[in-house]
Amino acid sequence: MPSNLNYDPKLLEQAKALGNFKYKTDAVNAALTEYIQRHQQPKIIELFGKIEYEKDYDYKKARTRKS
């Protein structure tokens, strides 16, 4: 979906260079993804103390790889 955005060309070029992106679209999509992820991170704090695990759950056993 084409869109007309008013953006700072210097910022976009810097984002392309830092992210090693070939296309502007890739840089913008990566930036939007990171922005959304960073702003959703505080929501995870709301889960602290609310998730209950089974008392016999062995997290160390779950970490071992089965070959």
N, C-alpha and C. Protein backbone atom coordinates (compact mmCIF):
# COMPACT_ATOMS: atom_id res chain seq x y z
N MET A 1 0.85 -1.17 0.00
CA MET A 1 0.00 0.00 0.00
C MET A 1 0.90 1.23 0.00
N PRO A 2 0.93 1.97 -1.06
CA PRO A 2 1.75 3.17 -1.14
C PRO A 2 1.31 4.22 -0.13
N SER A 3 2.27 4.96 0.35
CA SER A 3 1.97 5.99 1.34
C SER A 3 2.92 7.15 1.15
N ASN A 4 2.44 8.33 1.41
CA ASN A 4 3.30 9.51 1.37
C ASN A 4 3.67 9.87 2.79
N LEU A 5 4.94 9.70 3.11
CA LEU A 5 5.42 10.02 4.45
C LEU A 5 6.40 11.18 4.38
N ASN A 6 6.31 12.03 5.37
CA ASN A 6 7.27 13.12 5.49
C ASN A 6 8.29 12.67 6.53
N TYR A 7 9.47 12.30 6.10
CA TYR A 7 10.49 11.79 7.00
C TYR A 7 11.79 12.55 6.79
N ASP A 8 12.66 12.42 7.76
CA ASP A 8 13.97 13.05 7.69
C ASP A 8 14.89 12.13 6.87
N PRO A 9 15.29 12.55 5.68
CA PRO A 9 16.11 11.69 4.83
C PRO A 9 17.44 11.30 5.47
N LYS A 10 18.00 12.18 6.30
CA LYS A 10 19.26 11.86 6.97
C LYS A 10 19.07 10.71 7.96
N LEU A 11 17.94 10.73 8.68
CA LEU A 11 17.65 9.64 9.61
C LEU A 11 17.47 8.31 8.88
N LEU A 12 16.78 8.37 7.77
CA LEU A 12 16.54 7.14 7.01
C LEU A 12 17.85 6.58 6.45
N GLU A 13 18.69 7.44 5.94
CA GLU A 13 19.98 6.98 5.42
C GLU A 13 20.84 6.40 6.54
N GLN A 14 20.78 7.01 7.70
CA GLN A 14 21.55 6.50 8.84
C GLN A 14 21.02 5.14 9.26
N ALA A 15 19.70 4.98 9.29
CA ALA A 15 19.08 3.69 9.64
C ALA A 15 19.47 2.62 8.62
N LYS A 16 19.47 2.98 7.34
CA LYS A 16 19.87 2.03 6.30
C LYS A 16 21.32 1.59 6.50
N ALA A 17 22.18 2.54 6.81
CA ALA A 17 23.59 2.22 6.99
C ALA A 17 23.81 1.36 8.24
N LEU A 18 23.19 1.74 9.34
CA LEU A 18 23.37 1.00 10.59
C LEU A 18 22.83 -0.42 10.49
N GLY A 19 21.69 -0.57 9.81
CA GLY A 19 21.08 -1.88 9.69
C GLY A 19 21.54 -2.66 8.47
N ASN A 20 22.42 -2.04 7.69
CA ASN A 20 22.93 -2.66 6.47
C ASN A 20 21.77 -3.06 5.54
N PHE A 21 20.80 -2.15 5.40
CA PHE A 21 19.65 -2.39 4.55
C PHE A 21 19.92 -1.84 3.15
N LYS A 22 19.45 -2.56 2.16
CA LYS A 22 19.59 -2.11 0.79
C LYS A 22 18.46 -1.15 0.40
N TYR A 23 17.27 -1.43 0.94
CA TYR A 23 16.09 -0.65 0.57
C TYR A 23 15.55 0.15 1.76
N LYS A 24 14.99 1.30 1.44
CA LYS A 24 14.38 2.16 2.46
C LYS A 24 13.25 1.42 3.18
N THR A 25 12.46 0.68 2.41
CA THR A 25 11.32 -0.04 2.99
C THR A 25 11.77 -1.00 4.08
N ASP A 26 12.88 -1.70 3.85
CA ASP A 26 13.39 -2.64 4.86
C ASP A 26 13.80 -1.90 6.14
N ALA A 27 14.43 -0.75 5.99
CA ALA A 27 14.85 0.03 7.15
C ALA A 27 13.63 0.53 7.92
N VAL A 28 12.63 1.02 7.22
CA VAL A 28 11.42 1.53 7.88
C VAL A 28 10.69 0.40 8.60
N ASN A 29 10.54 -0.75 7.93
CA ASN A 29 9.85 -1.87 8.56
C ASN A 29 10.59 -2.37 9.80
N ALA A 30 11.91 -2.43 9.73
CA ALA A 30 12.69 -2.85 10.89
C ALA A 30 12.54 -1.85 12.03
N ALA A 31 12.56 -0.58 11.71
CA ALA A 31 12.41 0.45 12.74
C ALA A 31 11.04 0.38 13.39
N LEU A 32 10.00 0.19 12.60
CA LEU A 32 8.65 0.09 13.16
C LEU A 32 8.51 -1.15 14.03
N THR A 33 9.08 -2.26 13.59
CA THR A 33 9.03 -3.49 14.38
C THR A 33 9.72 -3.29 15.72
N GLU A 34 10.91 -2.70 15.70
CA GLU A 34 11.64 -2.47 16.95
C GLU A 34 10.88 -1.50 17.86
N TYR A 35 10.30 -0.47 17.29
CA TYR A 35 9.52 0.50 18.07
C TYR A 35 8.37 -0.18 18.78
N ILE A 36 7.65 -1.01 18.06
CA ILE A 36 6.50 -1.71 18.65
C ILE A 36 6.96 -2.66 19.75
N GLN A 37 8.01 -3.43 19.49
CA GLN A 37 8.51 -4.37 20.48
C GLN A 37 8.96 -3.66 21.75
N ARG A 38 9.67 -2.56 21.60
CA ARG A 38 10.16 -1.82 22.77
C ARG A 38 9.02 -1.24 23.60
N HIS A 39 7.96 -0.81 22.94
CA HIS A 39 6.85 -0.22 23.68
C HIS A 39 5.91 -1.27 24.26
N GLN A 40 6.02 -2.51 23.80
CA GLN A 40 5.21 -3.57 24.38
C GLN A 40 5.93 -4.27 25.53
N GLN A 41 7.23 -4.09 25.66
CA GLN A 41 8.00 -4.76 26.70
C GLN A 41 7.50 -4.49 28.12
N PRO A 42 7.11 -3.27 28.46
CA PRO A 42 6.65 -3.05 29.84
C PRO A 42 5.41 -3.88 30.21
N LYS A 43 4.66 -4.32 29.23
CA LYS A 43 3.48 -5.13 29.52
C LYS A 43 3.84 -6.47 30.16
N ILE A 44 5.04 -6.97 29.88
CA ILE A 44 5.45 -8.26 30.44
C ILE A 44 5.59 -8.16 31.96
N ILE A 45 5.91 -6.98 32.46
CA ILE A 45 6.06 -6.79 33.90
C ILE A 45 4.74 -7.07 34.62
N GLU A 46 3.64 -6.80 33.96
CA GLU A 46 2.33 -7.06 34.56
C GLU A 46 2.11 -8.54 34.84
N LEU A 47 2.85 -9.42 34.17
CA LEU A 47 2.69 -10.86 34.36
C LEU A 47 3.47 -11.39 35.56
N PHE A 48 4.42 -10.60 36.07
CA PHE A 48 5.23 -11.06 37.20
C PHE A 48 4.33 -11.42 38.37
N GLY A 49 4.53 -12.64 38.87
CA GLY A 49 3.76 -13.11 40.01
C GLY A 49 2.38 -13.64 39.65
N LYS A 50 2.01 -13.60 38.38
CA LYS A 50 0.69 -14.06 37.98
C LYS A 50 0.72 -15.43 37.31
N ILE A 51 1.89 -15.87 36.90
CA ILE A 51 2.00 -17.17 36.24
C ILE A 51 2.36 -18.20 37.30
N GLU A 52 1.54 -19.22 37.40
CA GLU A 52 1.78 -20.28 38.37
C GLU A 52 2.28 -21.52 37.64
N TYR A 53 3.32 -22.10 38.19
CA TYR A 53 3.88 -23.32 37.63
C TYR A 53 3.49 -24.49 38.52
N GLU A 54 3.49 -25.68 37.93
CA GLU A 54 3.22 -26.87 38.71
C GLU A 54 4.37 -27.06 39.69
N LYS A 55 4.06 -27.49 40.88
CA LYS A 55 5.08 -27.62 41.92
C LYS A 55 6.14 -28.65 41.56
N ASP A 56 5.79 -29.67 40.78
CA ASP A 56 6.76 -30.70 40.42
C ASP A 56 7.45 -30.42 39.08
N TYR A 57 7.31 -29.23 38.55
CA TYR A 57 7.94 -28.86 37.28
C TYR A 57 9.45 -28.75 37.48
N ASP A 58 10.21 -29.47 36.67
CA ASP A 58 11.66 -29.47 36.76
C ASP A 58 12.24 -28.69 35.57
N TYR A 59 12.53 -27.42 35.78
CA TYR A 59 13.01 -26.58 34.69
C TYR A 59 14.38 -27.03 34.20
N LYS A 60 15.20 -27.63 35.06
CA LYS A 60 16.51 -28.08 34.61
C LYS A 60 16.36 -29.27 33.66
N LYS A 61 15.42 -30.13 33.93
CA LYS A 61 15.19 -31.28 33.06
C LYS A 61 14.66 -30.80 31.70
N ALA A 62 13.86 -29.77 31.70
CA ALA A 62 13.29 -29.24 30.46
C ALA A 62 14.36 -28.58 29.59
N ARG A 63 15.46 -28.18 30.18
CA ARG A 63 16.53 -27.52 29.43
C ARG A 63 17.40 -28.51 28.65
N THR A 64 17.43 -29.76 29.08
CA THR A 64 18.31 -30.72 28.43
C THR A 64 17.81 -31.03 27.03
N ARG A 65 18.75 -31.17 26.15
CA ARG A 65 18.43 -31.48 24.76
C ARG A 65 18.35 -32.98 24.58
N LYS A 66 17.39 -33.39 23.80
CA LYS A 66 17.27 -34.81 23.48
C LYS A 66 17.85 -35.02 22.09
N SER A 67 18.84 -35.88 21.99
CA SER A 67 19.51 -36.13 20.71
C SER A 67 18.86 -37.25 19.97
